[in-house]
Amino acid sequence: MKTRIAILFSLIFLALSVPVIGDPVQISRTPSLTNPPRGLLEQESTQSFRFLLEKGDVLTVDKIQDILLSRNQSTGSREERNKIILKVTENEAAENPAQALAIMQGEFHTYARTPAGAGPFRKETSYNSRFTISKLGQYDVPDQFIMPNLRSLPNFPVEEVKKGQTWIAPGMETMDLQGQKIKIPLAVKYRYMGEGWIVDRDGKQRKAHKILFAYEFSHPVNRPGFPLRKIVGVSRDELWFDAENGLPIYDVQDLQYRFYSVGQTVEGIYRIHSWYDKSRTVSDDQKEQMADDIRKDLKDGPADDVNVRKTEDGIALDLSDILFEFDSADLTPRARETINRISKILKKYPDREIRISGHTDSTGPDQYNLKLSELRARSVLNELQKNHSFDATRMSYKGYGETRPIAPNDNPEGRARNRRVEILIVTE
């Protein structure tokens, strides 16, 4: 369950040696996310693997991507954070595990900072998708969706596999490059390394099975008027799968690309760390209880500083624009006091993602509103990070200008509600 948005002319360093299982691609850099402790047990093991996804499950995947960039002798770095949220809306039962399906629907969000490690993450893109996953891991994605762009990896055999056993299964990678959708078929080689253990993000040691897989491709691209001629890629992945829970726990992928176009070659290296989790859908009643608890925690402050409301994605805390200097992103002393109160609430939900977004009313030029809203969102994020010790990888910001009103803009009261910075505690 991966997402990676390949952007032509933004990809980097490539050693064209083809990796084999057990011989990982070497990347001489320090990833921003430390590898978790993990290890294999000595005994022999035989295991069947199935994805276990039931209606009402919510699958979340958190990714950190370290990226090196190179083009025309110039190099740079980039760091991405991806958040994938998928809900199982239905199941189709079948005796054959290749035909037993979970129907998935959800969102793929990308946040980035350039260069890597510098400043907060800014939200860049969001994609919606609807597709199916079989119990063996085979995907069926309608043509109108680009995501997920790495499909049917892992793809398990029907029968049990023994420690050391290998198999080959099909997969697919898709890319959206300057409006051109490219599908690349993959022949992926797997090896089951055996049963072991891994320490998860909560510090808990869990039973898991280690699987290595690798693929390579050289894909021609010959389209009229499109400069790209060929894409070459190699990948090596180490996956830790929880067979009892029917879901991966963690994987780390080393991926290399080379894009050949007219007069130019773009090279790229990624190291991608992914964490997987499965939960149940948060009910409206649970969200309302959470919102009520937050309102109680805020009751001692000025009533018009923060509005708490339930949204489809979580609980939103709307900061009034009176907390900013006029036509400015500078926080007032009153704003800093309000954010201090909010920070104590946010710390009660340490595992929740925080999305900070700026919004304006419809008066004033569009571009001015967009810039002001983004600067204000970033000011709030910086205050939480610098003065309240929030982890930058947990938060992101984006400005939307006047495009997402929560009230009519045809009266003063509505415009006042729309001029806000929203702090969203993500529950889905």
Protein backbone atom coordinates (compact mmCIF):
# COMPACT_ATOMS: atom_id res chain seq x y z
CA MET A 1 0.00 0.00 0.00
CA LYS A 2 2.27 2.74 -1.28
CA THR A 3 1.99 6.19 -2.69
CA ARG A 4 4.70 8.09 -4.50
CA ILE A 5 3.99 10.98 -6.80
CA ALA A 6 6.74 10.94 -9.42
CA ILE A 7 7.25 14.46 -10.79
CA LEU A 8 9.23 14.68 -14.01
CA PHE A 9 12.48 16.65 -13.60
CA SER A 10 12.36 16.35 -9.78
CA LEU A 11 14.06 12.98 -9.35
CA ILE A 12 17.59 11.95 -8.59
CA PHE A 13 20.88 9.96 -8.40
CA LEU A 14 20.72 6.46 -9.80
CA ALA A 15 23.09 3.51 -9.80
CA LEU A 16 21.98 1.36 -12.69
CA SER A 17 23.21 -1.90 -11.16
CA VAL A 18 20.20 -4.19 -10.82
CA PRO A 19 19.56 -5.31 -7.23
CA VAL A 20 18.91 -8.90 -6.30
CA ILE A 21 17.09 -10.11 -3.22
CA GLY A 22 19.45 -10.06 -0.28
CA ASP A 23 21.74 -7.52 -2.01
CA PRO A 24 20.23 -4.10 -1.25
CA VAL A 25 20.90 -0.94 -3.18
CA GLN A 26 23.43 1.18 -1.29
CA ILE A 27 22.45 4.76 -0.49
CA SER A 28 25.13 6.88 1.17
CA ARG A 29 22.97 9.17 3.28
CA THR A 30 21.25 9.24 6.62
CA PRO A 31 17.47 8.78 6.45
CA SER A 32 15.38 11.17 8.52
CA LEU A 33 13.39 8.32 10.06
CA THR A 34 15.39 5.83 12.13
CA ASN A 35 14.96 2.17 11.29
CA PRO A 36 13.05 0.33 14.03
CA PRO A 37 14.73 -2.52 15.96
CA ARG A 38 13.87 -5.86 14.38
CA GLY A 39 15.25 -9.36 14.00
CA LEU A 40 14.63 -12.93 12.85
CA LEU A 41 14.14 -16.06 14.93
CA GLU A 42 16.23 -19.14 14.30
CA GLN A 43 13.50 -21.75 13.84
CA GLU A 44 12.06 -22.94 10.56
CA SER A 45 8.67 -21.47 9.66
CA THR A 46 5.88 -22.05 7.17
CA GLN A 47 3.20 -19.41 6.72
CA SER A 48 0.29 -18.41 4.52
CA PHE A 49 -0.27 -14.69 4.02
CA ARG A 50 -3.59 -12.89 3.62
CA PHE A 51 -4.79 -9.29 3.83
CA LEU A 52 -7.58 -9.20 6.43
CA LEU A 53 -9.71 -6.11 5.79
CA GLU A 54 -13.34 -5.96 6.93
CA LYS A 55 -16.11 -3.44 6.35
CA GLY A 56 -15.67 -0.53 8.76
CA ASP A 57 -11.90 -0.89 8.99
CA VAL A 58 -9.79 2.22 8.44
CA LEU A 59 -6.33 1.59 7.02
CA THR A 60 -3.77 4.35 7.52
CA VAL A 61 -0.28 4.46 6.05
CA ASP A 62 2.28 7.04 7.17
CA LYS A 63 5.35 7.54 5.00
CA ILE A 64 8.53 9.57 5.19
CA GLN A 65 10.46 9.86 1.93
CA ASP A 66 14.06 11.04 1.79
CA ILE A 67 14.86 12.19 -1.73
CA LEU A 68 18.03 13.29 -3.48
CA LEU A 69 17.67 15.38 -6.64
CA SER A 70 20.01 15.70 -9.59
CA ARG A 71 19.66 17.33 -13.01
CA ASN A 72 22.28 18.84 -15.29
CA GLN A 73 25.06 18.50 -12.68
CA SER A 74 22.99 20.27 -9.99
CA THR A 75 21.78 18.41 -6.92
CA GLY A 76 19.34 19.04 -4.11
CA SER A 77 17.26 17.30 -1.49
CA ARG A 78 13.61 16.99 -0.68
CA GLU A 79 11.60 15.34 2.06
CA GLU A 80 8.03 14.17 1.66
CA ARG A 81 5.49 12.92 4.13
CA ASN A 82 2.53 10.97 2.79
CA LYS A 83 -0.68 10.23 4.65
CA ILE A 84 -2.98 7.58 3.21
CA ILE A 85 -6.42 7.07 4.76
CA LEU A 86 -8.54 4.25 3.32
CA LYS A 87 -11.90 2.98 4.53
CA VAL A 88 -13.24 -0.48 3.77
CA THR A 89 -16.74 0.23 2.48
CA GLU A 90 -17.76 -3.32 1.48
CA ASN A 91 -16.50 -6.90 1.24
CA GLU A 92 -17.06 -9.45 -1.50
CA ALA A 93 -16.65 -12.96 -0.10
CA ALA A 94 -15.28 -15.89 -2.09
CA GLU A 95 -13.61 -19.22 -1.36
CA ASN A 96 -10.74 -18.35 -3.66
CA PRO A 97 -8.64 -15.74 -1.79
CA ALA A 98 -7.76 -14.12 -5.11
CA GLN A 99 -11.47 -13.33 -5.55
CA ALA A 100 -12.26 -12.32 -1.95
CA LEU A 101 -12.22 -8.53 -2.13
CA ALA A 102 -12.18 -5.49 0.12
CA ILE A 103 -13.58 -2.37 -1.55
CA MET A 104 -11.44 0.60 -0.49
CA GLN A 105 -12.22 4.30 -0.65
CA GLY A 106 -10.06 7.12 0.60
CA GLU A 107 -7.49 9.87 0.24
CA PHE A 108 -3.79 10.22 -0.50
CA HIS A 109 -2.13 13.38 0.87
CA THR A 110 1.39 14.63 0.16
CA TYR A 111 3.32 17.11 2.32
CA ALA A 112 6.84 18.30 1.52
CA ARG A 113 9.72 20.48 2.58
CA THR A 114 12.69 21.51 0.45
CA PRO A 115 15.52 21.07 1.21
CA ALA A 116 15.10 18.01 3.41
CA GLY A 117 14.90 18.83 7.10
CA ALA A 118 14.37 22.56 6.56
CA GLY A 119 11.25 24.16 8.00
CA PRO A 120 7.73 22.77 8.33
CA PHE A 121 5.89 20.50 5.92
CA ARG A 122 3.58 22.21 3.44
CA LYS A 123 0.61 20.35 1.99
CA GLU A 124 1.08 19.93 -1.76
CA THR A 125 -1.42 17.50 -3.26
CA SER A 126 -4.43 15.35 -2.44
CA TYR A 127 -5.93 12.52 -4.48
CA ASN A 128 -9.11 10.51 -4.01
CA SER A 129 -9.43 6.89 -5.07
CA ARG A 130 -11.70 3.85 -5.00
CA PHE A 131 -10.39 0.36 -5.75
CA THR A 132 -10.35 -3.26 -4.55
CA ILE A 133 -7.72 -5.39 -2.82
CA SER A 134 -7.95 -9.17 -2.77
CA LYS A 135 -6.87 -11.19 0.24
CA LEU A 136 -3.70 -12.04 -1.67
CA GLY A 137 -2.92 -8.34 -2.25
CA GLN A 138 -3.99 -8.00 -5.88
CA TYR A 139 -5.33 -4.53 -6.79
CA ASP A 140 -8.00 -3.54 -9.28
CA VAL A 141 -7.99 0.24 -9.80
CA PRO A 142 -10.34 1.99 -12.27
CA ASP A 143 -8.57 3.97 -14.99
CA GLN A 144 -9.76 7.36 -13.73
CA PHE A 145 -7.65 7.05 -10.56
CA ILE A 146 -3.87 7.54 -10.46
CA MET A 147 -3.61 6.39 -6.84
CA PRO A 148 -2.45 4.08 -5.47
CA ASN A 149 0.44 4.32 -7.88
CA LEU A 150 2.26 1.20 -6.70
CA ARG A 151 -0.17 -1.70 -7.00
CA SER A 152 -0.30 -5.35 -5.96
CA LEU A 153 2.84 -5.15 -3.83
CA PRO A 154 3.05 -7.39 -1.89
CA ASN A 155 1.23 -10.05 -3.92
CA PHE A 156 1.07 -13.38 -2.07
CA PRO A 157 0.73 -16.95 -3.36
CA VAL A 158 -2.35 -19.00 -2.49
CA GLU A 159 -0.36 -21.76 -0.79
CA GLU A 160 1.82 -21.62 2.31
CA VAL A 161 5.45 -20.62 1.84
CA LYS A 162 8.49 -21.94 3.66
CA LYS A 163 11.39 -19.97 5.05
CA GLY A 164 13.76 -19.19 2.18
CA GLN A 165 11.14 -19.84 -0.51
CA THR A 166 10.85 -17.43 -3.45
CA TRP A 167 8.05 -16.58 -5.85
CA ILE A 168 7.40 -14.14 -8.67
CA ALA A 169 4.14 -12.18 -8.97
CA PRO A 170 2.90 -9.30 -11.14
CA GLY A 171 2.61 -5.72 -9.93
CA MET A 172 2.21 -2.30 -11.49
CA GLU A 173 3.54 1.21 -11.08
CA THR A 174 1.66 4.21 -12.44
CA MET A 175 2.94 7.75 -12.95
CA ASP A 176 1.23 11.01 -13.77
CA LEU A 177 3.86 13.08 -15.57
CA GLN A 178 2.74 16.45 -16.92
CA GLY A 179 -0.76 15.06 -17.48
CA GLN A 180 0.50 11.86 -19.12
CA LYS A 181 -0.62 8.73 -17.27
CA ILE A 182 1.93 5.97 -17.64
CA LYS A 183 1.40 2.36 -16.52
CA ILE A 184 4.48 0.21 -15.98
CA PRO A 185 3.98 -3.56 -15.55
CA LEU A 186 6.30 -5.18 -13.01
CA ALA A 187 7.56 -8.72 -12.42
CA VAL A 188 8.35 -8.74 -8.70
CA LYS A 189 10.56 -11.38 -7.06
CA TYR A 190 9.83 -12.23 -3.42
CA ARG A 191 11.67 -14.21 -0.75
CA TYR A 192 10.20 -15.20 2.61
CA MET A 193 12.95 -14.79 5.21
CA GLY A 194 11.08 -16.24 8.19
CA GLU A 195 9.36 -15.32 11.43
CA GLY A 196 10.77 -12.60 13.63
CA TRP A 197 9.94 -9.52 15.67
CA ILE A 198 9.82 -5.75 15.21
CA VAL A 199 9.38 -2.84 17.61
CA ASP A 200 6.47 -0.70 16.41
CA ARG A 201 6.01 3.07 16.70
CA ASP A 202 4.52 2.70 20.16
CA GLY A 203 7.60 0.86 21.40
CA LYS A 204 5.81 -2.49 21.50
CA GLN A 205 7.61 -5.61 20.30
CA ARG A 206 5.39 -7.49 17.87
CA LYS A 207 5.54 -10.81 16.07
CA ALA A 208 6.03 -10.35 12.33
CA HIS A 209 7.28 -12.08 9.20
CA LYS A 210 10.10 -10.67 7.09
CA ILE A 211 9.67 -10.64 3.31
CA LEU A 212 12.12 -9.18 0.81
CA PHE A 213 11.07 -8.22 -2.69
CA ALA A 214 12.72 -6.51 -5.64
CA TYR A 215 11.97 -5.46 -9.18
CA GLU A 216 13.54 -3.67 -12.12
CA PHE A 217 12.11 -2.18 -15.29
CA SER A 218 13.07 -0.38 -18.47
CA HIS A 219 9.91 1.13 -19.88
CA PRO A 220 9.80 2.91 -23.27
CA VAL A 221 7.65 6.03 -23.55
CA ASN A 222 6.92 7.12 -27.11
CA ARG A 223 4.07 9.60 -27.24
CA PRO A 224 3.65 12.37 -29.83
CA GLY A 225 4.69 15.77 -28.48
CA PHE A 226 5.91 14.34 -25.14
CA PRO A 227 9.68 14.66 -24.52
CA LEU A 228 10.10 11.62 -22.24
CA ARG A 229 11.52 8.61 -24.06
CA LYS A 230 12.28 5.98 -21.41
CA ILE A 231 12.07 5.32 -17.67
CA VAL A 232 14.46 2.91 -15.94
CA GLY A 233 13.87 1.87 -12.33
CA VAL A 234 15.16 -0.54 -9.71
CA SER A 235 13.70 -1.20 -6.27
CA ARG A 236 14.43 -3.25 -3.18
CA ASP A 237 11.97 -3.56 -0.29
CA GLU A 238 12.08 -5.07 3.19
CA LEU A 239 8.57 -5.76 4.52
CA TRP A 240 7.46 -6.89 7.99
CA PHE A 241 4.00 -8.46 7.86
CA ASP A 242 1.67 -9.24 10.79
CA ALA A 243 -0.04 -12.44 9.64
CA GLU A 244 -2.49 -12.50 12.56
CA ASN A 245 -3.67 -8.95 11.88
CA GLY A 246 -3.50 -9.41 8.09
CA LEU A 247 -1.55 -6.21 7.45
CA PRO A 248 2.05 -5.00 7.15
CA ILE A 249 3.55 -3.26 10.16
CA TYR A 250 6.50 -1.56 8.48
CA ASP A 251 8.52 -1.54 5.31
CA VAL A 252 11.53 0.32 3.98
CA GLN A 253 12.08 0.73 0.26
CA ASP A 254 15.18 1.83 -1.63
CA LEU A 255 14.09 3.01 -5.04
CA GLN A 256 16.07 4.43 -7.94
CA TYR A 257 14.88 6.01 -11.19
CA ARG A 258 16.38 7.39 -14.38
CA PHE A 259 14.22 9.43 -16.78
CA TYR A 260 15.52 9.81 -20.34
CA SER A 261 14.06 12.69 -22.34
CA VAL A 262 15.09 14.74 -25.35
CA GLY A 263 18.38 16.41 -24.43
CA GLN A 264 18.18 15.63 -20.73
CA THR A 265 18.47 12.83 -18.19
CA VAL A 266 16.98 13.15 -14.71
CA GLU A 267 18.12 10.83 -11.94
CA GLY A 268 16.66 10.01 -8.57
CA ILE A 269 17.00 8.08 -5.32
CA TYR A 270 14.35 7.53 -2.67
CA ARG A 271 14.41 5.89 0.71
CA ILE A 272 10.84 5.40 1.90
CA HIS A 273 9.85 4.33 5.41
CA SER A 274 6.21 3.24 5.79
CA TRP A 275 4.16 2.45 8.89
CA TYR A 276 0.76 0.75 8.66
CA ASP A 277 -2.16 0.71 11.06
CA LYS A 278 -5.72 -0.59 11.10
CA SER A 279 -8.54 0.80 13.23
CA ARG A 280 -12.30 1.11 13.19
CA THR A 281 -14.19 4.09 11.80
CA VAL A 282 -14.67 6.86 14.37
CA SER A 283 -18.42 7.31 14.86
CA ASP A 284 -20.22 10.66 14.85
CA ASP A 285 -21.04 10.16 18.53
CA GLN A 286 -17.36 9.66 19.34
CA LYS A 287 -16.43 12.79 17.41
CA GLU A 288 -19.13 14.79 19.18
CA GLN A 289 -17.88 13.59 22.56
CA MET A 290 -14.35 14.61 21.60
CA ALA A 291 -15.58 18.04 20.49
CA ASP A 292 -17.49 18.48 23.77
CA ASP A 293 -14.39 17.57 25.77
CA ILE A 294 -12.36 20.17 23.88
CA ARG A 295 -15.03 22.85 24.41
CA LYS A 296 -14.90 22.17 28.16
CA ASP A 297 -11.12 22.52 28.14
CA LEU A 298 -11.44 25.89 26.37
CA LYS A 299 -14.25 27.35 28.48
CA ASP A 300 -11.96 29.48 30.65
CA GLY A 301 -10.75 31.60 27.71
CA PRO A 302 -12.50 34.25 25.58
CA ALA A 303 -15.52 32.65 23.90
CA ASP A 304 -14.97 34.32 20.51
CA ASP A 305 -11.33 33.27 20.09
CA VAL A 306 -11.89 29.60 19.17
CA ASN A 307 -14.82 27.80 17.58
CA VAL A 308 -14.88 23.99 17.88
CA ARG A 309 -16.73 21.98 15.26
CA LYS A 310 -16.99 18.44 13.95
CA THR A 311 -15.88 17.77 10.35
CA GLU A 312 -15.72 14.73 8.10
CA ASP A 313 -11.99 14.33 8.83
CA GLY A 314 -11.91 15.16 12.53
CA ILE A 315 -12.35 18.03 14.98
CA ALA A 316 -11.60 21.58 13.80
CA LEU A 317 -10.54 24.39 16.12
CA ASP A 318 -11.13 27.68 14.27
CA LEU A 319 -8.99 30.60 15.41
CA SER A 320 -10.60 33.97 14.76
CA ASP A 321 -8.75 36.52 12.64
CA ILE A 322 -8.89 38.94 15.60
CA LEU A 323 -5.89 36.97 16.87
CA PHE A 324 -3.77 38.47 14.07
CA GLU A 325 -2.65 42.00 13.38
CA PHE A 326 -4.72 43.66 10.64
CA ASP A 327 -3.75 42.40 7.15
CA SER A 328 -0.82 40.58 8.73
CA ALA A 329 0.34 37.09 9.70
CA ASP A 330 1.80 38.38 12.98
CA LEU A 331 0.25 36.81 16.07
CA THR A 332 -1.06 39.14 18.76
CA PRO A 333 -0.21 38.52 22.45
CA ARG A 334 -3.80 37.33 22.85
CA ALA A 335 -3.21 34.82 20.04
CA ARG A 336 -0.16 33.39 21.77
CA GLU A 337 -2.20 32.89 24.94
CA THR A 338 -4.92 31.14 22.94
CA ILE A 339 -2.43 28.87 21.17
CA ASN A 340 -0.92 28.03 24.55
CA ARG A 341 -4.34 26.78 25.70
CA ILE A 342 -4.83 24.86 22.46
CA SER A 343 -1.39 23.25 22.72
CA LYS A 344 -2.38 21.62 26.01
CA ILE A 345 -5.43 20.13 24.30
CA LEU A 346 -3.45 18.87 21.31
CA LYS A 347 -1.01 17.11 23.63
CA LYS A 348 -3.90 14.96 24.86
CA TYR A 349 -4.01 13.41 21.38
CA PRO A 350 -0.32 12.59 20.74
CA ASP A 351 -1.02 10.06 17.98
CA ARG A 352 -3.22 12.36 15.90
CA GLU A 353 -2.07 14.22 12.82
CA ILE A 354 -2.50 18.00 12.97
CA ARG A 355 -3.36 19.94 9.80
CA ILE A 356 -3.25 23.72 9.98
CA SER A 357 -4.99 25.68 7.24
CA GLY A 358 -5.52 29.39 6.64
CA HIS A 359 -8.74 30.88 5.21
CA THR A 360 -10.09 34.31 4.28
CA ASP A 361 -13.38 35.86 3.23
CA SER A 362 -14.10 36.78 -0.40
CA THR A 363 -13.08 40.44 -0.19
CA GLY A 364 -9.75 41.43 -1.67
CA PRO A 365 -7.72 39.95 -4.56
CA ASP A 366 -7.57 36.16 -4.80
CA GLN A 367 -3.77 35.92 -4.81
CA TYR A 368 -3.46 38.28 -1.84
CA ASN A 369 -5.98 36.22 0.14
CA LEU A 370 -4.18 33.00 -0.75
CA LYS A 371 -0.80 34.33 0.37
CA LEU A 372 -2.14 35.85 3.59
CA SER A 373 -3.98 32.64 4.51
CA GLU A 374 -0.84 30.56 4.01
CA LEU A 375 1.35 32.93 6.02
CA ARG A 376 -1.12 32.88 8.90
CA ALA A 377 -1.30 29.07 8.89
CA ARG A 378 2.47 28.89 8.96
CA SER A 379 2.63 31.38 11.85
CA VAL A 380 0.41 29.14 13.96
CA LEU A 381 2.45 26.06 13.08
CA ASN A 382 5.70 27.85 13.93
CA GLU A 383 4.29 28.92 17.30
CA LEU A 384 3.33 25.33 18.16
CA GLN A 385 6.67 23.97 17.00
CA LYS A 386 9.03 26.55 18.47
CA ASN A 387 7.31 27.44 21.74
CA HIS A 388 5.36 24.28 22.54
CA SER A 389 7.73 21.56 21.30
CA PHE A 390 5.48 19.94 18.71
CA ASP A 391 7.13 17.53 16.27
CA ALA A 392 7.27 19.06 12.78
CA THR A 393 6.60 15.68 11.16
CA ARG A 394 3.23 15.51 12.93
CA MET A 395 2.02 18.84 11.53
CA SER A 396 1.50 20.47 8.14
CA TYR A 397 0.16 23.78 6.84
CA LYS A 398 -1.57 25.15 3.75
CA GLY A 399 -3.39 28.31 2.74
CA TYR A 400 -6.71 28.12 0.88
CA GLY A 401 -7.63 31.79 0.62
CA GLU A 402 -11.37 32.21 0.06
CA THR A 403 -11.96 28.77 -1.53
CA ARG A 404 -13.27 26.93 1.55
CA PRO A 405 -15.88 29.07 3.30
CA ILE A 406 -17.85 27.71 6.25
CA ALA A 407 -20.44 30.52 6.12
CA PRO A 408 -21.96 32.86 3.48
CA ASN A 409 -19.75 35.77 2.43
CA ASP A 410 -22.71 38.09 1.82
CA ASN A 411 -22.92 39.42 5.40
CA PRO A 412 -20.43 40.65 8.03
CA GLU A 413 -21.06 37.73 10.39
CA GLY A 414 -20.39 35.13 7.69
CA ARG A 415 -17.25 36.87 6.47
CA ALA A 416 -15.95 37.04 10.05
CA ARG A 417 -16.41 33.26 10.42
CA ASN A 418 -14.59 32.61 7.16
CA ARG A 419 -11.54 34.65 8.23
CA ARG A 420 -9.89 31.96 10.32
CA VAL A 421 -7.00 29.59 10.85
CA GLU A 422 -8.22 26.03 11.27
CA ILE A 423 -6.35 23.53 13.43
CA LEU A 424 -7.68 20.10 12.49
CA ILE A 425 -7.18 17.12 14.79
CA VAL A 426 -7.46 14.28 12.29
CA THR A 427 -9.55 11.34 13.47
CA GLU A 428 -9.90 9.49 10.14
